Amino acid sequence: MTRLPTIALLAAGACAPRSVSGPVESDRNLLIYARPNVDAARELDQEGVRSFAETRYADALAYFRAARSLGGPASELWNIARCLEHVDDAEGAARTLDQYLAQRDLPAADRTEAEREGQTIRTRTSVLMVTTIPTGAMVTVDGQPALGPTPASTDIRPGSHTLVIRRPGYVARTLPVEARFGRAVIVALDLEAARK
């Protein structure tokens, strides 16, 4: 099987059959009989590699998943994770890398690379975008002046944050937000006029 991005063929013996039997639905809604089949897994893997090289990541993902279901080795999990990153599913990529890292027989270099990739995915900064009606509000993030006047945006680190949005003549708003996996955090508020 092939492990991206190295694209090196593994020995057929590395494709230990999984204890899967019966029909399995693939990403293309095709019925695949998941009986261990090393030759079929190898062919699907190679189609996945071609699709990945041609930047057809959704197709590559389907091929690699099918290869894994037919007895492909743990390296298919690495390939699946790389595809998930390219189709903007960082959470899925991180989960799949965790499955890959759970394999006991990973070479040390592969384990190190997967750990580094998982850490990179989990620590991506997110873009915080704040818009208000009316515009012109100032925003603090975790007590620090961050952006303004709205509409405005800034990068924030992963984790929980507290936003305070203020504009003279309007009620200040305090909001919790969560930044994860580099996902954009979008806050759109209609500010309430302060009572006199």
N, C-alpha and C. Protein backbone atom coordinates (compact mmCIF):
# COMPACT_ATOMS: atom_id res chain seq x y z
N MET A 1 0.84 -1.18 0.00
CA MET A 1 0.00 0.00 0.00
C MET A 1 0.88 1.24 0.00
N THR A 2 0.33 2.33 -0.30
CA THR A 2 1.08 3.56 -0.43
C THR A 2 0.75 4.50 0.71
N ARG A 3 1.78 5.13 1.25
CA ARG A 3 1.60 6.09 2.32
C ARG A 3 1.97 7.45 1.78
N LEU A 4 1.02 8.39 1.79
CA LEU A 4 1.28 9.73 1.31
C LEU A 4 2.03 10.50 2.37
N PRO A 5 2.84 11.47 2.12
CA PRO A 5 3.25 11.89 0.79
C PRO A 5 4.44 11.12 0.25
N THR A 6 4.97 10.14 0.98
CA THR A 6 6.16 9.44 0.57
C THR A 6 5.94 8.62 -0.69
N ILE A 7 4.75 8.08 -0.85
CA ILE A 7 4.37 7.29 -2.01
C ILE A 7 5.37 6.16 -2.26
N ALA A 8 5.48 5.26 -1.28
CA ALA A 8 6.34 4.08 -1.38
C ALA A 8 5.46 2.85 -1.23
N LEU A 9 5.66 1.83 -2.08
CA LEU A 9 4.86 0.63 -2.05
C LEU A 9 5.30 -0.26 -0.90
N LEU A 10 4.35 -0.75 -0.11
CA LEU A 10 4.64 -1.67 0.97
C LEU A 10 4.48 -3.09 0.48
N ALA A 11 5.10 -4.03 1.15
CA ALA A 11 4.99 -5.44 0.78
C ALA A 11 3.56 -5.93 0.97
N ALA A 12 3.15 -6.88 0.18
CA ALA A 12 1.79 -7.41 0.28
C ALA A 12 1.54 -8.01 1.66
N GLY A 13 2.55 -8.53 2.29
CA GLY A 13 2.41 -9.10 3.62
C GLY A 13 2.01 -8.09 4.66
N ALA A 14 2.22 -6.82 4.38
CA ALA A 14 1.86 -5.77 5.34
C ALA A 14 0.36 -5.56 5.41
N CYS A 15 -0.37 -6.14 4.46
CA CYS A 15 -1.82 -5.97 4.42
C CYS A 15 -2.50 -7.06 5.23
N ALA A 16 -2.39 -7.00 6.51
CA ALA A 16 -3.01 -8.00 7.36
C ALA A 16 -4.52 -7.91 7.24
N PRO A 17 -5.19 -9.05 6.98
CA PRO A 17 -6.64 -9.00 6.85
C PRO A 17 -7.30 -8.57 8.15
N ARG A 18 -8.33 -7.76 8.01
CA ARG A 18 -9.12 -7.34 9.16
C ARG A 18 -10.29 -8.29 9.30
N SER A 19 -10.84 -8.37 10.48
CA SER A 19 -11.97 -9.26 10.71
C SER A 19 -13.27 -8.54 10.36
N VAL A 20 -13.42 -8.23 9.08
CA VAL A 20 -14.60 -7.54 8.59
C VAL A 20 -15.26 -8.44 7.57
N SER A 21 -16.55 -8.59 7.66
CA SER A 21 -17.25 -9.35 6.63
C SER A 21 -18.61 -8.72 6.41
N GLY A 22 -19.16 -8.96 5.22
CA GLY A 22 -20.45 -8.39 4.91
C GLY A 22 -20.32 -7.09 4.18
N PRO A 23 -21.45 -6.52 3.78
CA PRO A 23 -21.42 -5.30 2.97
C PRO A 23 -21.05 -4.07 3.78
N VAL A 24 -20.28 -3.19 3.18
CA VAL A 24 -19.90 -1.91 3.76
C VAL A 24 -20.20 -0.84 2.73
N GLU A 25 -20.85 0.25 3.13
CA GLU A 25 -21.17 1.32 2.19
C GLU A 25 -19.97 2.24 2.08
N SER A 26 -19.53 2.53 0.88
CA SER A 26 -18.40 3.42 0.67
C SER A 26 -18.89 4.86 0.58
N ASP A 27 -17.92 5.81 0.43
CA ASP A 27 -18.26 7.22 0.31
C ASP A 27 -19.06 7.52 -0.96
N ARG A 28 -18.99 6.68 -1.92
CA ARG A 28 -19.71 6.90 -3.18
C ARG A 28 -21.05 6.18 -3.19
N ASN A 29 -21.50 5.75 -2.01
CA ASN A 29 -22.76 5.03 -1.86
C ASN A 29 -22.80 3.76 -2.70
N LEU A 30 -21.64 3.14 -2.87
CA LEU A 30 -21.55 1.85 -3.54
C LEU A 30 -21.43 0.77 -2.47
N LEU A 31 -21.99 -0.37 -2.75
CA LEU A 31 -21.90 -1.47 -1.81
C LEU A 31 -20.61 -2.24 -2.10
N ILE A 32 -19.75 -2.31 -1.10
CA ILE A 32 -18.49 -3.04 -1.24
C ILE A 32 -18.54 -4.20 -0.25
N TYR A 33 -18.24 -5.39 -0.71
CA TYR A 33 -18.20 -6.51 0.22
C TYR A 33 -16.84 -6.52 0.87
N ALA A 34 -16.83 -6.29 2.18
CA ALA A 34 -15.60 -6.08 2.92
C ALA A 34 -15.02 -7.41 3.38
N ARG A 35 -14.64 -8.21 2.43
CA ARG A 35 -13.93 -9.44 2.70
C ARG A 35 -12.47 -9.10 2.45
N PRO A 36 -11.58 -9.44 3.38
CA PRO A 36 -10.18 -9.08 3.15
C PRO A 36 -9.71 -9.50 1.76
N ASN A 37 -9.16 -8.57 1.02
CA ASN A 37 -8.72 -8.82 -0.34
C ASN A 37 -7.54 -7.89 -0.62
N VAL A 38 -6.35 -8.41 -0.41
CA VAL A 38 -5.13 -7.61 -0.51
C VAL A 38 -4.94 -7.03 -1.91
N ASP A 39 -5.22 -7.82 -2.95
CA ASP A 39 -5.03 -7.33 -4.31
C ASP A 39 -5.98 -6.16 -4.62
N ALA A 40 -7.24 -6.31 -4.22
CA ALA A 40 -8.20 -5.23 -4.46
C ALA A 40 -7.82 -4.00 -3.64
N ALA A 41 -7.38 -4.22 -2.39
CA ALA A 41 -6.96 -3.10 -1.55
C ALA A 41 -5.79 -2.36 -2.19
N ARG A 42 -4.85 -3.10 -2.76
CA ARG A 42 -3.68 -2.48 -3.40
C ARG A 42 -4.12 -1.64 -4.60
N GLU A 43 -5.04 -2.16 -5.41
CA GLU A 43 -5.52 -1.42 -6.58
C GLU A 43 -6.25 -0.14 -6.15
N LEU A 44 -7.09 -0.25 -5.13
CA LEU A 44 -7.79 0.93 -4.62
C LEU A 44 -6.81 1.96 -4.08
N ASP A 45 -5.80 1.47 -3.39
CA ASP A 45 -4.77 2.37 -2.85
C ASP A 45 -4.08 3.14 -3.98
N GLN A 46 -3.72 2.45 -5.05
CA GLN A 46 -3.05 3.11 -6.17
C GLN A 46 -3.97 4.13 -6.85
N GLU A 47 -5.26 3.81 -6.95
CA GLU A 47 -6.21 4.80 -7.49
C GLU A 47 -6.28 6.01 -6.56
N GLY A 48 -6.22 5.75 -5.26
CA GLY A 48 -6.21 6.84 -4.29
C GLY A 48 -5.00 7.74 -4.45
N VAL A 49 -3.85 7.13 -4.67
CA VAL A 49 -2.61 7.90 -4.86
C VAL A 49 -2.72 8.76 -6.11
N ARG A 50 -3.24 8.18 -7.20
CA ARG A 50 -3.42 8.97 -8.43
C ARG A 50 -4.38 10.14 -8.20
N SER A 51 -5.49 9.85 -7.54
CA SER A 51 -6.48 10.91 -7.28
C SER A 51 -5.88 12.01 -6.41
N PHE A 52 -5.12 11.62 -5.40
CA PHE A 52 -4.50 12.60 -4.51
C PHE A 52 -3.53 13.48 -5.30
N ALA A 53 -2.72 12.85 -6.14
CA ALA A 53 -1.74 13.60 -6.95
C ALA A 53 -2.44 14.56 -7.90
N GLU A 54 -3.65 14.23 -8.32
CA GLU A 54 -4.42 15.08 -9.22
C GLU A 54 -5.31 16.05 -8.45
N THR A 55 -5.10 16.15 -7.15
CA THR A 55 -5.86 17.02 -6.23
C THR A 55 -7.35 16.73 -6.20
N ARG A 56 -7.73 15.49 -6.49
CA ARG A 56 -9.12 15.04 -6.36
C ARG A 56 -9.23 14.35 -5.00
N TYR A 57 -9.22 15.17 -3.95
CA TYR A 57 -9.09 14.65 -2.59
C TYR A 57 -10.30 13.85 -2.13
N ALA A 58 -11.50 14.24 -2.51
CA ALA A 58 -12.69 13.48 -2.12
C ALA A 58 -12.66 12.08 -2.74
N ASP A 59 -12.23 11.99 -4.01
CA ASP A 59 -12.10 10.68 -4.65
C ASP A 59 -11.02 9.86 -3.96
N ALA A 60 -9.89 10.48 -3.69
CA ALA A 60 -8.79 9.77 -3.01
C ALA A 60 -9.26 9.24 -1.66
N LEU A 61 -10.01 10.05 -0.95
CA LEU A 61 -10.53 9.64 0.36
C LEU A 61 -11.38 8.38 0.24
N ALA A 62 -12.26 8.34 -0.74
CA ALA A 62 -13.11 7.16 -0.95
C ALA A 62 -12.27 5.93 -1.27
N TYR A 63 -11.26 6.08 -2.12
CA TYR A 63 -10.40 4.95 -2.46
C TYR A 63 -9.63 4.44 -1.24
N PHE A 64 -9.05 5.36 -0.47
CA PHE A 64 -8.27 4.93 0.69
C PHE A 64 -9.14 4.27 1.75
N ARG A 65 -10.34 4.79 1.96
CA ARG A 65 -11.26 4.16 2.92
C ARG A 65 -11.64 2.75 2.46
N ALA A 66 -11.92 2.62 1.17
CA ALA A 66 -12.27 1.30 0.64
C ALA A 66 -11.09 0.35 0.76
N ALA A 67 -9.89 0.82 0.48
CA ALA A 67 -8.70 -0.02 0.61
C ALA A 67 -8.52 -0.50 2.04
N ARG A 68 -8.73 0.39 2.99
CA ARG A 68 -8.60 0.01 4.40
C ARG A 68 -9.65 -1.03 4.77
N SER A 69 -10.88 -0.86 4.28
CA SER A 69 -11.94 -1.81 4.62
C SER A 69 -11.69 -3.20 4.03
N LEU A 70 -10.87 -3.28 2.98
CA LEU A 70 -10.54 -4.56 2.36
C LEU A 70 -9.24 -5.15 2.88
N GLY A 71 -8.73 -4.63 3.98
CA GLY A 71 -7.54 -5.22 4.59
C GLY A 71 -6.28 -4.43 4.38
N GLY A 72 -6.40 -3.21 3.86
CA GLY A 72 -5.21 -2.36 3.69
C GLY A 72 -4.56 -2.08 5.04
N PRO A 73 -3.27 -1.77 5.05
CA PRO A 73 -2.53 -1.56 6.29
C PRO A 73 -2.86 -0.22 6.96
N ALA A 74 -2.26 -0.02 8.11
CA ALA A 74 -2.48 1.21 8.88
C ALA A 74 -2.08 2.45 8.09
N SER A 75 -1.20 2.32 7.14
CA SER A 75 -0.79 3.49 6.35
C SER A 75 -1.98 4.11 5.62
N GLU A 76 -3.04 3.33 5.39
CA GLU A 76 -4.25 3.89 4.78
C GLU A 76 -4.85 4.95 5.70
N LEU A 77 -4.73 4.77 7.01
CA LEU A 77 -5.24 5.77 7.95
C LEU A 77 -4.50 7.10 7.77
N TRP A 78 -3.19 7.03 7.56
CA TRP A 78 -2.40 8.25 7.29
C TRP A 78 -2.93 8.92 6.03
N ASN A 79 -3.14 8.11 4.98
CA ASN A 79 -3.63 8.66 3.72
C ASN A 79 -5.01 9.29 3.88
N ILE A 80 -5.87 8.63 4.64
CA ILE A 80 -7.22 9.16 4.89
C ILE A 80 -7.11 10.49 5.62
N ALA A 81 -6.25 10.56 6.63
CA ALA A 81 -6.08 11.81 7.39
C ALA A 81 -5.62 12.95 6.48
N ARG A 82 -4.67 12.66 5.59
CA ARG A 82 -4.18 13.70 4.68
C ARG A 82 -5.30 14.19 3.75
N CYS A 83 -6.13 13.27 3.28
CA CYS A 83 -7.26 13.67 2.43
C CYS A 83 -8.25 14.52 3.21
N LEU A 84 -8.54 14.12 4.45
CA LEU A 84 -9.48 14.87 5.27
C LEU A 84 -9.00 16.31 5.49
N GLU A 85 -7.70 16.47 5.66
CA GLU A 85 -7.16 17.83 5.79
C GLU A 85 -7.47 18.65 4.54
N HIS A 86 -7.30 18.03 3.39
CA HIS A 86 -7.50 18.76 2.12
C HIS A 86 -8.96 19.04 1.81
N VAL A 87 -9.89 18.27 2.40
CA VAL A 87 -11.31 18.55 2.19
C VAL A 87 -11.87 19.35 3.36
N ASP A 88 -10.99 19.96 4.13
CA ASP A 88 -11.34 20.87 5.22
C ASP A 88 -12.12 20.18 6.34
N ASP A 89 -11.68 18.98 6.71
CA ASP A 89 -12.25 18.27 7.86
C ASP A 89 -11.11 18.03 8.85
N ALA A 90 -10.69 19.10 9.51
CA ALA A 90 -9.56 19.01 10.44
C ALA A 90 -9.87 18.10 11.61
N GLU A 91 -11.10 18.13 12.10
CA GLU A 91 -11.48 17.26 13.22
C GLU A 91 -11.37 15.79 12.82
N GLY A 92 -11.88 15.47 11.64
CA GLY A 92 -11.79 14.10 11.14
C GLY A 92 -10.35 13.67 10.93
N ALA A 93 -9.53 14.58 10.42
CA ALA A 93 -8.11 14.28 10.23
C ALA A 93 -7.43 13.98 11.57
N ALA A 94 -7.73 14.78 12.58
CA ALA A 94 -7.14 14.57 13.91
C ALA A 94 -7.58 13.23 14.49
N ARG A 95 -8.87 12.90 14.37
CA ARG A 95 -9.36 11.61 14.88
C ARG A 95 -8.69 10.44 14.16
N THR A 96 -8.54 10.57 12.85
CA THR A 96 -7.93 9.50 12.07
C THR A 96 -6.45 9.36 12.42
N LEU A 97 -5.77 10.47 12.63
CA LEU A 97 -4.36 10.38 13.07
C LEU A 97 -4.26 9.70 14.43
N ASP A 98 -5.22 9.94 15.31
CA ASP A 98 -5.23 9.25 16.61
C ASP A 98 -5.38 7.74 16.41
N GLN A 99 -6.23 7.33 15.47
CA GLN A 99 -6.37 5.89 15.16
C GLN A 99 -5.06 5.34 14.61
N TYR A 100 -4.43 6.11 13.75
CA TYR A 100 -3.15 5.70 13.18
C TYR A 100 -2.10 5.53 14.28
N LEU A 101 -2.05 6.50 15.18
CA LEU A 101 -1.07 6.44 16.27
C LEU A 101 -1.37 5.32 17.26
N ALA A 102 -2.58 4.82 17.28
CA ALA A 102 -2.93 3.71 18.18
C ALA A 102 -2.36 2.38 17.68
N GLN A 103 -1.86 2.35 16.45
CA GLN A 103 -1.26 1.13 15.91
C GLN A 103 0.07 0.87 16.62
N ARG A 104 0.27 -0.33 17.06
CA ARG A 104 1.46 -0.65 17.87
C ARG A 104 2.74 -0.79 17.06
N ASP A 105 2.61 -1.17 15.79
CA ASP A 105 3.80 -1.50 15.01
C ASP A 105 4.27 -0.38 14.08
N LEU A 106 3.92 0.87 14.39
CA LEU A 106 4.37 1.98 13.55
C LEU A 106 5.87 2.19 13.69
N PRO A 107 6.56 2.42 12.58
CA PRO A 107 7.97 2.80 12.69
C PRO A 107 8.09 4.13 13.44
N ALA A 108 9.19 4.29 14.16
CA ALA A 108 9.39 5.48 14.99
C ALA A 108 9.28 6.78 14.18
N ALA A 109 9.84 6.80 12.98
CA ALA A 109 9.80 8.02 12.16
C ALA A 109 8.36 8.35 11.76
N ASP A 110 7.58 7.31 11.42
CA ASP A 110 6.18 7.54 11.04
C ASP A 110 5.37 8.04 12.24
N ARG A 111 5.63 7.46 13.41
CA ARG A 111 4.94 7.89 14.63
C ARG A 111 5.24 9.36 14.93
N THR A 112 6.52 9.73 14.83
CA THR A 112 6.93 11.11 15.09
C THR A 112 6.26 12.07 14.12
N GLU A 113 6.23 11.70 12.84
CA GLU A 113 5.62 12.55 11.83
C GLU A 113 4.11 12.71 12.08
N ALA A 114 3.44 11.62 12.44
CA ALA A 114 1.99 11.68 12.70
C ALA A 114 1.70 12.48 13.97
N GLU A 115 2.52 12.35 14.99
CA GLU A 115 2.34 13.15 16.21
C GLU A 115 2.49 14.63 15.91
N ARG A 116 3.51 14.96 15.12
CA ARG A 116 3.75 16.36 14.74
C ARG A 116 2.58 16.90 13.91
N GLU A 117 2.09 16.11 12.98
CA GLU A 117 0.96 16.53 12.13
C GLU A 117 -0.30 16.73 12.97
N GLY A 118 -0.56 15.82 13.89
CA GLY A 118 -1.72 15.95 14.77
C GLY A 118 -1.64 17.21 15.62
N GLN A 119 -0.45 17.50 16.14
CA GLN A 119 -0.25 18.72 16.93
C GLN A 119 -0.45 19.97 16.09
N THR A 120 0.04 19.94 14.87
CA THR A 120 -0.14 21.08 13.96
C THR A 120 -1.62 21.34 13.69
N ILE A 121 -2.38 20.27 13.46
CA ILE A 121 -3.81 20.41 13.19
C ILE A 121 -4.52 21.00 14.40
N ARG A 122 -4.18 20.51 15.58
CA ARG A 122 -4.90 20.93 16.79
C ARG A 122 -4.52 22.34 17.26
N THR A 123 -3.39 22.85 16.81
CA THR A 123 -2.94 24.16 17.29
C THR A 123 -3.04 25.26 16.23
N ARG A 124 -3.75 25.01 15.18
CA ARG A 124 -3.94 26.06 14.16
C ARG A 124 -4.67 27.25 14.76
N THR A 125 -4.25 28.43 14.37
CA THR A 125 -4.97 29.62 14.82
C THR A 125 -6.25 29.77 14.00
N SER A 126 -7.21 30.42 14.59
CA SER A 126 -8.49 30.69 13.93
C SER A 126 -8.61 32.18 13.65
N VAL A 127 -9.35 32.52 12.63
CA VAL A 127 -9.64 33.92 12.35
C VAL A 127 -10.94 34.26 13.08
N LEU A 128 -10.90 35.30 13.89
CA LEU A 128 -12.08 35.84 14.56
C LEU A 128 -12.57 37.02 13.75
N MET A 129 -13.82 36.96 13.31
CA MET A 129 -14.43 38.07 12.56
C MET A 129 -15.62 38.58 13.36
N VAL A 130 -15.65 39.87 13.60
CA VAL A 130 -16.73 40.48 14.36
C VAL A 130 -17.37 41.58 13.52
N THR A 131 -18.69 41.48 13.37
CA THR A 131 -19.45 42.54 12.71
C THR A 131 -20.55 42.98 13.67
N THR A 132 -20.85 44.24 13.64
CA THR A 132 -21.92 44.78 14.50
C THR A 132 -22.80 45.73 13.71
N ILE A 133 -24.02 45.83 14.17
CA ILE A 133 -24.94 46.85 13.67
C ILE A 133 -25.33 47.67 14.90
N PRO A 134 -24.97 48.93 14.96
CA PRO A 134 -24.20 49.67 13.97
C PRO A 134 -22.71 49.28 14.03
N THR A 135 -21.99 49.66 13.01
CA THR A 135 -20.55 49.40 12.96
C THR A 135 -19.84 50.31 13.95
N GLY A 136 -18.53 50.11 14.09
CA GLY A 136 -17.71 51.02 14.90
C GLY A 136 -17.50 50.59 16.33
N ALA A 137 -17.84 49.34 16.69
CA ALA A 137 -17.62 48.87 18.06
C ALA A 137 -16.16 48.44 18.23
N MET A 138 -15.67 48.50 19.46
CA MET A 138 -14.32 48.04 19.80
C MET A 138 -14.45 46.68 20.48
N VAL A 139 -13.50 45.79 20.23
CA VAL A 139 -13.56 44.42 20.74
C VAL A 139 -12.30 44.11 21.54
N THR A 140 -12.50 43.53 22.72
CA THR A 140 -11.36 42.98 23.48
C THR A 140 -11.51 41.47 23.50
N VAL A 141 -10.37 40.78 23.46
CA VAL A 141 -10.34 39.32 23.56
C VAL A 141 -9.54 38.99 24.80
N ASP A 142 -10.19 38.32 25.74
CA ASP A 142 -9.56 37.94 27.01
C ASP A 142 -8.96 39.15 27.71
N GLY A 143 -9.66 40.28 27.66
CA GLY A 143 -9.24 41.49 28.35
C GLY A 143 -8.22 42.33 27.62
N GLN A 144 -7.79 41.89 26.46
CA GLN A 144 -6.79 42.64 25.68
C GLN A 144 -7.45 43.28 24.46
N PRO A 145 -7.19 44.56 24.23
CA PRO A 145 -7.74 45.18 23.01
C PRO A 145 -7.25 44.39 21.80
N ALA A 146 -8.19 43.96 20.98
CA ALA A 146 -7.81 43.08 19.88
C ALA A 146 -8.14 43.66 18.53
N LEU A 147 -9.32 44.22 18.40
CA LEU A 147 -9.69 44.70 17.08
C LEU A 147 -10.80 45.74 17.20
N GLY A 148 -10.94 46.44 16.16
CA GLY A 148 -11.96 47.47 16.09
C GLY A 148 -11.45 48.57 15.20
N PRO A 149 -12.23 49.45 14.78
CA PRO A 149 -13.68 49.37 14.91
C PRO A 149 -14.25 48.30 13.98
N THR A 150 -15.40 47.76 14.39
CA THR A 150 -16.03 46.72 13.60
C THR A 150 -16.62 47.32 12.31
N PRO A 151 -16.63 46.55 11.24
CA PRO A 151 -16.26 45.14 11.13
C PRO A 151 -14.74 44.97 11.12
N ALA A 152 -14.28 43.91 11.77
CA ALA A 152 -12.84 43.70 11.89
C ALA A 152 -12.55 42.21 12.12
N SER A 153 -11.29 41.84 11.92
CA SER A 153 -10.90 40.45 12.15
C SER A 153 -9.48 40.39 12.69
N THR A 154 -9.18 39.28 13.36
CA THR A 154 -7.85 39.03 13.91
C THR A 154 -7.68 37.53 14.09
N ASP A 155 -6.46 37.07 14.26
CA ASP A 155 -6.19 35.66 14.55
C ASP A 155 -6.25 35.44 16.05
N ILE A 156 -6.80 34.28 16.45
CA ILE A 156 -6.81 33.89 17.86
C ILE A 156 -6.31 32.46 17.98
N ARG A 157 -5.69 32.16 19.10
CA ARG A 157 -5.15 30.83 19.33
C ARG A 157 -6.29 29.86 19.68
N PRO A 158 -6.04 28.56 19.57
CA PRO A 158 -7.08 27.59 19.91
C PRO A 158 -7.46 27.69 21.39
N GLY A 159 -8.72 27.38 21.68
CA GLY A 159 -9.18 27.36 23.06
C GLY A 159 -10.37 28.27 23.28
N SER A 160 -10.73 28.41 24.56
CA SER A 160 -11.86 29.26 24.95
C SER A 160 -11.41 30.70 25.14
N HIS A 161 -12.24 31.62 24.70
CA HIS A 161 -11.94 33.04 24.81
C HIS A 161 -13.20 33.80 25.21
N THR A 162 -12.98 34.97 25.79
CA THR A 162 -14.09 35.84 26.15
C THR A 162 -13.96 37.15 25.39
N LEU A 163 -15.01 37.50 24.66
CA LEU A 163 -15.03 38.75 23.90
C LEU A 163 -15.89 39.77 24.64
N VAL A 164 -15.44 41.01 24.63
CA VAL A 164 -16.26 42.11 25.12
C VAL A 164 -16.35 43.11 23.97
N ILE A 165 -17.58 43.47 23.61
CA ILE A 165 -17.83 44.36 22.49
C ILE A 165 -18.50 45.62 23.04
N ARG A 166 -17.85 46.77 22.79
CA ARG A 166 -18.36 48.05 23.32
C ARG A 166 -18.44 49.10 22.22
N ARG A 167 -19.50 49.89 22.33
CA ARG A 167 -19.64 51.07 21.47
C ARG A 167 -20.38 52.11 22.29
N PRO A 168 -19.86 53.36 22.31
CA PRO A 168 -20.54 54.40 23.09
C PRO A 168 -22.02 54.50 22.70
N GLY A 169 -22.88 54.59 23.73
CA GLY A 169 -24.31 54.71 23.51
C GLY A 169 -25.02 53.37 23.37
N TYR A 170 -24.30 52.26 23.50
CA TYR A 170 -24.89 50.93 23.35
C TYR A 170 -24.49 50.04 24.53
N VAL A 171 -25.29 49.04 24.81
CA VAL A 171 -25.02 48.10 25.89
C VAL A 171 -23.82 47.23 25.50
N ALA A 172 -22.84 47.15 26.41
CA ALA A 172 -21.67 46.28 26.16
C ALA A 172 -22.12 44.83 26.17
N ARG A 173 -21.50 44.02 25.33
CA ARG A 173 -21.83 42.59 25.25
C ARG A 173 -20.60 41.78 25.58
N THR A 174 -20.78 40.73 26.38
CA THR A 174 -19.71 39.78 26.71
C THR A 174 -20.12 38.43 26.16
N LEU A 175 -19.24 37.83 25.37
CA LEU A 175 -19.56 36.55 24.72
C LEU A 175 -18.40 35.56 24.86
N PRO A 176 -18.71 34.31 25.18
CA PRO A 176 -17.68 33.26 25.13
C PRO A 176 -17.59 32.73 23.69
N VAL A 177 -16.39 32.43 23.23
CA VAL A 177 -16.21 31.79 21.93
C VAL A 177 -15.17 30.69 22.08
N GLU A 178 -15.23 29.73 21.19
CA GLU A 178 -14.30 28.60 21.20
C GLU A 178 -13.63 28.54 19.83
N ALA A 179 -12.30 28.54 19.82
CA ALA A 179 -11.53 28.42 18.58
C ALA A 179 -10.95 27.00 18.53
N ARG A 180 -11.24 26.30 17.43
CA ARG A 180 -10.76 24.93 17.29
C ARG A 180 -10.37 24.64 15.86
N PHE A 181 -9.27 23.91 15.70
CA PHE A 181 -8.85 23.36 14.41
C PHE A 181 -8.75 24.40 13.30
N GLY A 182 -8.46 25.64 13.65
CA GLY A 182 -8.30 26.68 12.64
C GLY A 182 -9.60 27.15 12.01
N ARG A 183 -10.72 26.73 12.56
CA ARG A 183 -12.02 27.14 12.03
C ARG A 183 -12.26 28.62 12.29
N ALA A 184 -12.85 29.32 11.34
CA ALA A 184 -13.19 30.72 11.53
C ALA A 184 -14.25 30.85 12.62
N VAL A 185 -14.12 31.87 13.44
CA VAL A 185 -15.11 32.19 14.47
C VAL A 185 -15.76 33.49 14.03
N ILE A 186 -17.06 33.44 13.75
CA ILE A 186 -17.77 34.60 13.22
C ILE A 186 -18.80 35.05 14.24
N VAL A 187 -18.71 36.32 14.61
CA VAL A 187 -19.65 36.90 15.56
C VAL A 187 -20.33 38.07 14.85
N ALA A 188 -21.66 38.01 14.77
CA ALA A 188 -22.44 39.09 14.16
C ALA A 188 -23.49 39.53 15.18
N LEU A 189 -23.45 40.79 15.59
CA LEU A 189 -24.34 41.28 16.63
C LEU A 189 -25.09 42.53 16.22
N ASP A 190 -26.35 42.57 16.65
CA ASP A 190 -27.11 43.82 16.60
C ASP A 190 -26.99 44.41 18.01
N LEU A 191 -26.32 45.54 18.13
CA LEU A 191 -26.12 46.15 19.44
C LEU A 191 -27.40 46.83 19.92
N GLU A 192 -27.62 46.73 21.21
CA GLU A 192 -28.80 47.33 21.82
C GLU A 192 -28.46 48.72 22.35
N ALA A 193 -29.27 49.68 21.98
CA ALA A 193 -29.03 51.06 22.45
C ALA A 193 -29.19 51.11 23.97
N ALA A 194 -28.27 51.85 24.61
CA ALA A 194 -28.32 51.99 26.07
C ALA A 194 -29.50 52.86 26.44
N ARG A 195 -30.15 52.52 27.57
CA ARG A 195 -31.26 53.36 28.06
C ARG A 195 -30.72 54.59 28.73
N LYS A 196 -31.42 55.70 28.58
CA LYS A 196 -30.96 56.95 29.16
C LYS A 196 -31.63 57.19 30.49
